Amino acid sequence: MLRVHDDLYRDDVLADPFRYYGALRETDPVHWNADFKTWVVTRYDDVSWVLRHPEFFSSAFYAREERPITPPIDSGDEAVHEYVSAFRATEIIQNDPPTHTRLRAPFRHPFSPKLIREWRQVIRNVVSDLLDAVEARGKMDVIEDLGRPLPLRVISEMLGVPTGDRELVKKQAEERMQSAISLAPDRMRRAADAIREGCEYFDRLLGERAASPRDDLLGVLVKAERAGCYTRAESVSNAQGLLDAGHETTIQLIGNGTLAFMRNRDQWDLFTSSPEALAVTATEECLRYDPPLFALRRIVAADCELRGKHLSEGDRVLWVIASANRDPRAFDDPDVFDIRRQPNRHLSFGGGIHYCLGQYLARLEGQEVFTQLASRFPKLRLETEEVEYAHLRGVRSLKALPVSWN
């Protein structure tokens, strides 16, 4: 049996979760990690079961968590942690029914496939503008020049954030996300400062939208308030939540997907031969092969059994997307990057009632990015084989991805 000792946050595990969690998947698929007091679930069928049984596995992690935070935070930051947890507890993703049902309902229509398809030309134009800006250089950093600015511009436009404020909300989002993905001991303090700034900013913006209605996501929140579906505090929290969710993970999709193409030249050559025809299946394979989020957390809501193990109420659970997506019981040749793979029932957007609200938007952004890269820069190549991942929890985040095409 694989012995776990601080392995969850070791550099090599964060950089390559597939080997570590893949070993767990074969030897101890529902594993108790004593160091972090966490059940680690790694097989496809088990992860799917967890996702589809919210009565046993609660998404209200911040509201229910009673054990000491891991990794530890700075001494004296306990009150700050409580503030951040109370804020996060009002987000859609951090709730169970019936609160989750109520909070999610106003966004079903705006994030439906039909409505999201109407954003394709906007996304296409943004990608084109970003690539125009670097084309003459003959090289770029995929993360900084494309991955970061694209989703920020798109979700800001959807929310109705003024153009001049987008650098401000970007900085707030990056700091706010520290509470969810950073391992640094000061992460709660940094997140709290950004949350306070964001609450003040979005409260003002929502007030403006109430006085002068517009057809954007902030307008959706104002309508939900007037209908008694949302409180102002919930609107302020979920405006920031939409910005965070619509920003961070798409950066990883673009970076990780481009890296997968560059390290599998046969697939890149195939893709460049017909990018528009292969865009959908190629993006799905990027999502499966190297998912933006490699793991997420739940809290056991009621005692239950999973693969012969007894899980007790209050236990933490880590469900590992990166491992489930490479499970040979669910996928043929799972370690092979195959852009024509069908069917491709990956779990990168979760499942059940919490199936990612922004899945269609993320897919569309990925399809447009990869299509334009292949069409404009078929000779795209890595500038270096050495890539470095940020030391973060739960996400596969490249620090940089330098490429060239001359």
Protein backbone atom coordinates (compact mmCIF):
# COMPACT_ATOMS: atom_id res chain seq x y z
CA MET A 1 0.00 0.00 0.00
CA LEU A 2 1.26 3.49 -0.86
CA ARG A 3 2.40 5.34 2.23
CA VAL A 4 1.28 8.95 2.30
CA HIS A 5 3.34 11.44 4.26
CA ASP A 6 2.85 15.08 3.25
CA ASP A 7 2.63 13.85 -0.34
CA LEU A 8 -0.53 15.79 -1.16
CA TYR A 9 1.37 19.06 -1.34
CA ARG A 10 4.81 17.90 -2.36
CA ASP A 11 6.17 19.67 -5.45
CA ASP A 12 6.44 16.55 -7.57
CA VAL A 13 2.88 15.49 -6.70
CA LEU A 14 1.45 18.90 -7.53
CA ALA A 15 3.40 19.00 -10.80
CA ASP A 16 2.41 15.43 -11.76
CA PRO A 17 -0.66 14.21 -9.86
CA PHE A 18 -1.24 11.42 -12.38
CA ARG A 19 1.50 9.12 -11.12
CA TYR A 20 0.86 9.58 -7.40
CA TYR A 21 -2.93 9.41 -7.49
CA GLY A 22 -2.81 6.76 -10.22
CA ALA A 23 -0.86 4.52 -7.83
CA LEU A 24 -3.51 5.09 -5.17
CA ARG A 25 -6.22 4.29 -7.71
CA GLU A 26 -4.76 0.81 -8.22
CA THR A 27 -3.75 0.00 -4.63
CA ASP A 28 -6.15 1.83 -2.31
CA PRO A 29 -8.87 3.66 -4.29
CA VAL A 30 -10.69 4.96 -1.20
CA HIS A 31 -7.69 5.92 0.88
CA TRP A 32 -7.53 7.49 4.34
CA ASN A 33 -4.76 10.09 4.43
CA ALA A 34 -3.94 10.32 8.12
CA ASP A 35 -1.65 13.31 7.72
CA PHE A 36 -4.41 15.52 6.33
CA LYS A 37 -7.40 13.69 7.82
CA THR A 38 -8.87 13.25 4.35
CA TRP A 39 -10.41 10.43 2.34
CA VAL A 40 -8.86 10.35 -1.14
CA VAL A 41 -11.16 8.92 -3.84
CA THR A 42 -9.46 8.11 -7.16
CA ARG A 43 -11.47 5.68 -9.33
CA TYR A 44 -13.87 6.92 -11.98
CA ASP A 45 -16.95 5.04 -10.74
CA ASP A 46 -16.32 6.07 -7.13
CA VAL A 47 -15.80 9.74 -7.98
CA SER A 48 -18.99 9.65 -10.07
CA TRP A 49 -20.85 8.13 -7.12
CA VAL A 50 -19.60 10.83 -4.76
CA LEU A 51 -20.69 13.55 -7.18
CA ARG A 52 -24.20 12.13 -7.52
CA HIS A 53 -24.94 11.68 -3.83
CA PRO A 54 -25.01 15.11 -2.17
CA GLU A 55 -27.00 13.59 0.68
CA PHE A 56 -23.77 11.87 1.75
CA PHE A 57 -21.15 14.27 0.36
CA SER A 58 -21.84 17.91 1.11
CA SER A 59 -20.48 20.78 -0.97
CA ALA A 60 -20.88 23.15 1.99
CA PHE A 61 -17.24 22.69 2.91
CA TYR A 62 -16.68 26.08 4.51
CA ALA A 63 -19.91 25.95 6.52
CA ARG A 64 -19.39 22.38 7.79
CA GLU A 65 -15.62 22.19 8.24
CA GLU A 66 -14.76 21.90 11.94
CA ARG A 67 -11.27 20.38 11.88
CA PRO A 68 -8.09 22.47 11.91
CA ILE A 69 -7.28 23.96 8.52
CA THR A 70 -4.56 22.24 6.47
CA PRO A 71 -1.98 23.30 5.56
CA PRO A 72 -1.84 25.59 8.61
CA ILE A 73 -2.29 29.35 8.39
CA ASP A 74 -0.43 32.08 10.24
CA SER A 75 -1.02 32.24 13.97
CA GLY A 76 -3.56 34.95 14.75
CA ASP A 77 -5.41 34.58 11.44
CA GLU A 78 -8.21 32.45 12.87
CA ALA A 79 -10.73 35.32 12.81
CA VAL A 80 -9.73 36.12 9.24
CA HIS A 81 -10.29 32.48 8.32
CA GLU A 82 -13.78 32.65 9.84
CA TYR A 83 -14.54 35.78 7.79
CA VAL A 84 -13.38 34.14 4.55
CA SER A 85 -15.33 30.96 5.34
CA ALA A 86 -18.52 32.93 6.02
CA PHE A 87 -18.12 34.74 2.70
CA ARG A 88 -17.42 31.54 0.72
CA ALA A 89 -20.37 29.80 2.39
CA THR A 90 -22.79 32.04 0.46
CA GLU A 91 -21.45 30.99 -2.98
CA ILE A 92 -23.50 28.73 -5.25
CA ILE A 93 -20.81 26.06 -5.39
CA GLN A 94 -20.54 25.97 -1.60
CA ASN A 95 -24.13 25.01 -0.91
CA ASP A 96 -26.43 21.98 -0.91
CA PRO A 97 -30.14 21.88 -1.76
CA PRO A 98 -32.41 23.67 -1.17
CA THR A 99 -30.11 26.72 -0.91
CA HIS A 100 -28.03 25.56 -3.87
CA THR A 101 -31.18 25.15 -5.97
CA ARG A 102 -32.33 28.66 -5.13
CA LEU A 103 -28.96 30.31 -5.80
CA ARG A 104 -28.32 28.48 -9.06
CA ALA A 105 -31.78 28.95 -10.57
CA PRO A 106 -31.37 32.52 -11.94
CA PHE A 107 -28.30 31.48 -13.97
CA ARG A 108 -29.66 28.42 -15.74
CA HIS A 109 -30.90 30.47 -18.68
CA PRO A 110 -27.89 32.85 -19.08
CA PHE A 111 -25.49 29.87 -19.02
CA SER A 112 -27.60 27.61 -21.25
CA PRO A 113 -25.99 26.26 -24.44
CA LYS A 114 -28.17 28.50 -26.62
CA LEU A 115 -27.28 31.72 -24.81
CA ILE A 116 -23.59 30.86 -24.50
CA ARG A 117 -23.37 30.16 -28.25
CA GLU A 118 -24.30 33.79 -28.81
CA TRP A 119 -20.95 34.73 -27.20
CA ARG A 120 -18.90 32.77 -29.75
CA GLN A 121 -18.18 35.77 -31.99
CA VAL A 122 -17.17 37.89 -29.00
CA ILE A 123 -14.77 35.17 -27.85
CA ARG A 124 -13.45 34.72 -31.40
CA ASN A 125 -12.76 38.45 -31.67
CA VAL A 126 -10.96 38.60 -28.32
CA VAL A 127 -8.74 35.64 -29.24
CA SER A 128 -8.00 37.24 -32.61
CA ASP A 129 -7.09 40.56 -30.97
CA LEU A 130 -4.74 38.87 -28.52
CA LEU A 131 -3.00 36.88 -31.25
CA ASP A 132 -2.75 39.97 -33.48
CA ALA A 133 -0.84 41.67 -30.67
CA VAL A 134 1.88 38.99 -30.59
CA GLU A 135 2.00 37.68 -34.16
CA ALA A 136 4.81 39.95 -35.37
CA ARG A 137 6.99 38.96 -32.40
CA GLY A 138 6.98 35.36 -33.52
CA LYS A 139 6.63 34.15 -29.94
CA MET A 140 4.55 34.55 -26.80
CA ASP A 141 3.90 33.25 -23.33
CA VAL A 142 0.62 31.34 -23.71
CA ILE A 143 -0.27 31.99 -20.06
CA GLU A 144 0.35 35.74 -19.88
CA ASP A 145 -0.44 36.74 -23.46
CA LEU A 146 -3.50 34.55 -24.04
CA GLY A 147 -4.56 32.43 -21.06
CA ARG A 148 -4.96 35.22 -18.51
CA PRO A 149 -6.47 38.04 -20.57
CA LEU A 150 -9.04 36.02 -22.56
CA PRO A 151 -11.32 34.64 -19.81
CA LEU A 152 -11.03 37.84 -17.79
CA ARG A 153 -12.25 39.95 -20.72
CA VAL A 154 -15.08 37.55 -21.51
CA ILE A 155 -16.47 37.08 -18.00
CA SER A 156 -16.05 40.80 -17.26
CA GLU A 157 -18.08 41.58 -20.37
CA MET A 158 -20.75 39.09 -19.35
CA LEU A 159 -20.95 40.53 -15.84
CA GLY A 160 -20.97 44.11 -17.07
CA VAL A 161 -17.73 45.22 -15.41
CA PRO A 162 -16.57 48.52 -16.97
CA THR A 163 -13.50 48.19 -19.18
CA GLY A 164 -11.46 50.56 -17.04
CA ASP A 165 -12.06 48.45 -13.92
CA ARG A 166 -10.93 45.10 -15.30
CA GLU A 167 -7.36 45.28 -14.08
CA LEU A 168 -8.73 46.04 -10.62
CA VAL A 169 -11.12 43.07 -10.57
CA LYS A 170 -8.37 40.82 -11.99
CA LYS A 171 -6.09 41.64 -9.04
CA GLN A 172 -8.96 41.14 -6.61
CA ALA A 173 -9.80 37.76 -8.13
CA GLU A 174 -6.19 36.56 -8.00
CA GLU A 175 -5.89 37.50 -4.32
CA ARG A 176 -9.35 36.17 -3.45
CA MET A 177 -8.50 32.79 -4.96
CA GLN A 178 -5.64 32.43 -2.49
CA SER A 179 -8.08 31.02 0.07
CA ALA A 180 -9.05 28.19 -2.30
CA ILE A 181 -5.81 27.21 -4.04
CA SER A 182 -2.81 28.69 -2.23
CA LEU A 183 -0.70 26.80 0.32
CA ALA A 184 0.94 29.93 1.77
CA PRO A 185 0.35 30.52 5.50
CA ASP A 186 -0.81 34.11 4.85
CA ARG A 187 -3.39 33.06 2.24
CA MET A 188 -6.45 33.84 4.35
CA ARG A 189 -5.29 37.37 5.13
CA ARG A 190 -4.61 38.09 1.46
CA ALA A 191 -7.95 36.64 0.42
CA ALA A 192 -9.83 38.57 3.11
CA ASP A 193 -8.41 41.89 1.97
CA ALA A 194 -9.47 41.18 -1.63
CA ILE A 195 -12.92 40.01 -0.52
CA ARG A 196 -13.53 43.23 1.40
CA GLU A 197 -12.46 45.31 -1.60
CA GLY A 198 -14.58 43.17 -3.93
CA CYS A 199 -17.64 43.43 -1.71
CA GLU A 200 -17.41 47.22 -1.67
CA TYR A 201 -16.85 47.36 -5.42
CA PHE A 202 -19.66 44.99 -6.45
CA ASP A 203 -22.11 46.44 -3.94
CA ARG A 204 -21.64 49.79 -5.66
CA LEU A 205 -21.92 48.24 -9.14
CA LEU A 206 -25.09 46.36 -8.21
CA GLY A 207 -26.57 49.59 -6.85
CA GLU A 208 -25.85 51.27 -10.17
CA ARG A 209 -27.41 48.36 -12.05
CA ALA A 210 -30.54 48.56 -9.89
CA ALA A 211 -30.89 52.24 -10.76
CA SER A 212 -30.08 51.72 -14.44
CA PRO A 213 -30.93 48.14 -15.55
CA ARG A 214 -28.82 46.35 -18.15
CA ASP A 215 -28.97 42.91 -19.73
CA ASP A 216 -25.91 41.36 -18.11
CA LEU A 217 -25.12 38.99 -15.24
CA LEU A 218 -25.17 41.78 -12.67
CA GLY A 219 -28.63 42.58 -14.02
CA VAL A 220 -29.60 38.94 -13.43
CA LEU A 221 -28.52 39.29 -9.79
CA VAL A 222 -30.51 42.51 -9.34
CA LYS A 223 -33.62 40.81 -10.73
CA ALA A 224 -33.05 37.89 -8.35
CA GLU A 225 -32.89 40.33 -5.44
CA ARG A 226 -36.13 41.99 -6.48
CA ALA A 227 -37.81 38.59 -6.76
CA GLY A 228 -36.70 37.70 -3.23
CA CYS A 229 -34.44 34.92 -4.51
CA TYR A 230 -31.17 36.60 -3.46
CA THR A 231 -30.08 38.88 -0.66
CA ARG A 232 -27.67 41.69 -1.46
CA ALA A 233 -24.91 39.85 0.43
CA GLU A 234 -25.49 36.77 -1.75
CA SER A 235 -25.44 38.91 -4.89
CA VAL A 236 -22.14 40.50 -3.91
CA SER A 237 -20.62 37.12 -3.05
CA ASN A 238 -21.75 35.35 -6.20
CA ALA A 239 -20.74 38.21 -8.51
CA GLN A 240 -17.22 37.63 -7.23
CA GLY A 241 -17.69 33.86 -7.44
CA LEU A 242 -18.68 34.07 -11.10
CA LEU A 243 -15.66 36.22 -11.83
CA ASP A 244 -13.32 33.81 -10.04
CA ALA A 245 -14.77 30.65 -11.57
CA GLY A 246 -14.97 32.16 -15.05
CA HIS A 247 -11.38 33.31 -14.88
CA GLU A 248 -9.00 30.92 -13.16
CA THR A 249 -9.77 27.48 -14.58
CA THR A 250 -9.92 28.60 -18.22
CA ILE A 251 -6.34 29.81 -17.87
CA GLN A 252 -5.38 26.25 -16.97
CA LEU A 253 -7.40 24.76 -19.83
CA ILE A 254 -5.58 26.94 -22.35
CA GLY A 255 -2.13 26.35 -20.87
CA ASN A 256 -2.43 22.65 -20.16
CA GLY A 257 -4.17 21.97 -23.46
CA THR A 258 -1.53 23.80 -25.50
CA LEU A 259 1.22 21.93 -23.65
CA ALA A 260 -0.47 18.59 -24.37
CA PHE A 261 -0.58 19.46 -28.08
CA MET A 262 3.08 20.52 -28.11
CA ARG A 263 4.20 17.30 -26.42
CA ASN A 264 2.13 15.17 -28.79
CA ARG A 265 3.17 16.46 -32.20
CA ASP A 266 1.25 13.81 -34.10
CA GLN A 267 -1.96 15.14 -32.56
CA TRP A 268 -0.98 18.74 -33.28
CA ASP A 269 -0.28 17.88 -36.91
CA LEU A 270 -3.62 16.09 -37.12
CA PHE A 271 -5.40 19.05 -35.55
CA THR A 272 -3.80 21.63 -37.84
CA SER A 273 -5.02 19.64 -40.84
CA SER A 274 -8.65 20.35 -39.91
CA PRO A 275 -8.95 22.49 -36.76
CA GLU A 276 -12.60 23.49 -37.09
CA ALA A 277 -13.72 19.91 -37.66
CA LEU A 278 -11.73 18.61 -34.69
CA ALA A 279 -12.17 21.55 -32.29
CA VAL A 280 -14.90 19.97 -30.18
CA THR A 281 -13.32 16.54 -29.62
CA ALA A 282 -9.85 18.08 -29.23
CA THR A 283 -11.03 20.43 -26.49
CA GLU A 284 -12.79 17.58 -24.69
CA GLU A 285 -9.57 15.57 -24.78
CA CYS A 286 -7.58 18.51 -23.40
CA LEU A 287 -10.08 18.68 -20.55
CA ARG A 288 -9.78 14.95 -19.86
CA TYR A 289 -6.06 14.48 -20.35
CA ASP A 290 -4.82 17.32 -18.15
CA PRO A 291 -7.79 18.90 -16.34
CA PRO A 292 -7.57 22.46 -14.99
CA LEU A 293 -8.79 21.27 -11.59
CA PHE A 294 -7.19 17.99 -10.59
CA ALA A 295 -9.08 17.59 -7.30
CA LEU A 296 -11.93 19.10 -5.26
CA ARG A 297 -13.25 18.68 -1.74
CA ARG A 298 -16.43 17.55 -0.03
CA ILE A 299 -17.51 16.98 3.58
CA VAL A 300 -19.22 13.73 4.57
CA ALA A 301 -22.79 14.74 5.50
CA ALA A 302 -23.89 11.35 6.84
CA ASP A 303 -22.12 8.09 7.67
CA CYS A 304 -21.78 5.94 4.58
CA GLU A 305 -19.83 3.09 2.98
CA LEU A 306 -17.67 3.38 -0.10
CA ARG A 307 -15.75 0.41 -1.47
CA GLY A 308 -15.86 -1.30 1.92
CA LYS A 309 -14.62 1.74 3.85
CA HIS A 310 -16.68 3.47 6.53
CA LEU A 311 -16.81 7.25 6.07
CA SER A 312 -18.01 9.21 9.11
CA GLU A 313 -20.01 12.41 9.21
CA GLY A 314 -17.65 15.38 9.21
CA ASP A 315 -14.81 13.60 7.40
CA ARG A 316 -13.11 15.43 4.56
CA VAL A 317 -13.17 13.88 1.09
CA LEU A 318 -10.84 14.72 -1.81
CA TRP A 319 -12.20 13.49 -5.15
CA VAL A 320 -9.43 13.37 -7.71
CA ILE A 321 -10.49 14.34 -11.24
CA ALA A 322 -7.01 13.79 -12.69
CA SER A 323 -7.04 10.17 -11.55
CA ALA A 324 -10.65 9.44 -12.53
CA ASN A 325 -10.00 10.83 -16.01
CA ARG A 326 -7.09 8.40 -16.45
CA ASP A 327 -8.86 5.34 -15.03
CA PRO A 328 -8.38 2.42 -17.48
CA ARG A 329 -11.72 1.01 -16.31
CA ALA A 330 -13.42 4.02 -17.91
CA PHE A 331 -11.13 4.96 -20.83
CA ASP A 332 -9.16 2.96 -23.38
CA ASP A 333 -5.46 3.87 -23.34
CA PRO A 334 -6.12 6.62 -20.78
CA ASP A 335 -2.56 7.96 -20.77
CA VAL A 336 -2.68 8.56 -24.54
CA PHE A 337 -3.64 12.03 -25.78
CA ASP A 338 -6.15 11.31 -28.55
CA ILE A 339 -8.06 14.29 -29.95
CA ARG A 340 -10.51 12.01 -31.78
CA ARG A 341 -11.50 10.15 -28.60
CA GLN A 342 -15.21 9.35 -28.51
CA PRO A 343 -17.06 8.92 -26.28
CA ASN A 344 -15.21 11.07 -23.78
CA ARG A 345 -17.16 11.13 -20.53
CA HIS A 346 -14.51 12.92 -18.47
CA LEU A 347 -15.31 14.39 -15.07
CA SER A 348 -13.52 17.71 -15.47
CA PHE A 349 -16.77 19.62 -14.99
CA GLY A 350 -17.91 17.47 -12.09
CA GLY A 351 -21.33 15.87 -12.17
CA GLY A 352 -24.74 15.73 -10.56
CA ILE A 353 -26.39 18.90 -9.24
CA HIS A 354 -23.06 20.75 -9.16
CA TYR A 355 -22.20 20.11 -12.82
CA CYS A 356 -20.18 23.19 -13.72
CA LEU A 357 -22.41 26.17 -14.48
CA GLY A 358 -19.82 27.60 -16.87
CA GLN A 359 -19.05 24.39 -18.75
CA TYR A 360 -20.37 25.63 -22.12
CA LEU A 361 -18.47 28.90 -21.84
CA ALA A 362 -15.19 27.14 -20.97
CA ARG A 363 -15.64 24.69 -23.84
CA LEU A 364 -16.31 27.53 -26.27
CA GLU A 365 -13.24 29.46 -25.12
CA GLY A 366 -11.06 26.37 -25.49
CA GLN A 367 -12.41 25.60 -28.95
CA GLU A 368 -11.77 29.13 -30.21
CA VAL A 369 -8.28 29.32 -28.74
CA PHE A 370 -7.07 25.98 -30.10
CA THR A 371 -8.70 26.56 -33.51
CA GLN A 372 -7.07 29.95 -33.99
CA LEU A 373 -3.68 28.77 -32.74
CA ALA A 374 -3.74 25.90 -35.23
CA SER A 375 -5.01 28.03 -38.11
CA ARG A 376 -2.60 30.91 -37.60
CA PHE A 377 0.47 29.18 -36.18
CA PRO A 378 0.63 25.60 -37.49
CA LYS A 379 4.39 25.55 -36.78
CA LEU A 380 3.82 26.39 -33.12
CA ARG A 381 6.44 24.83 -30.86
CA LEU A 382 7.71 24.99 -27.31
CA GLU A 383 10.61 27.29 -26.60
CA THR A 384 11.71 25.00 -23.77
CA GLU A 385 10.84 21.50 -22.60
CA GLU A 386 11.26 22.57 -18.98
CA VAL A 387 7.98 23.87 -17.58
CA GLU A 388 7.22 24.76 -13.99
CA TYR A 389 3.94 24.51 -12.13
CA ALA A 390 2.81 26.91 -9.44
CA HIS A 391 2.77 25.44 -5.94
CA LEU A 392 -1.00 25.45 -5.60
CA ARG A 393 -3.66 23.13 -4.23
CA GLY A 394 -6.13 21.41 -6.52
CA VAL A 395 -5.17 23.14 -9.78
CA ARG A 396 -2.62 22.40 -12.52
CA SER A 397 -1.30 25.88 -13.12
CA LEU A 398 1.71 26.51 -15.34
CA LYS A 399 3.80 29.50 -14.33
CA ALA A 400 4.62 30.17 -17.98
CA LEU A 401 4.45 28.47 -21.38
CA PRO A 402 6.79 30.13 -23.91
CA VAL A 403 6.11 29.15 -27.55
CA SER A 404 7.22 30.40 -30.96
CA TRP A 405 6.11 29.92 -34.57
CA ASN A 406 8.72 31.40 -36.90
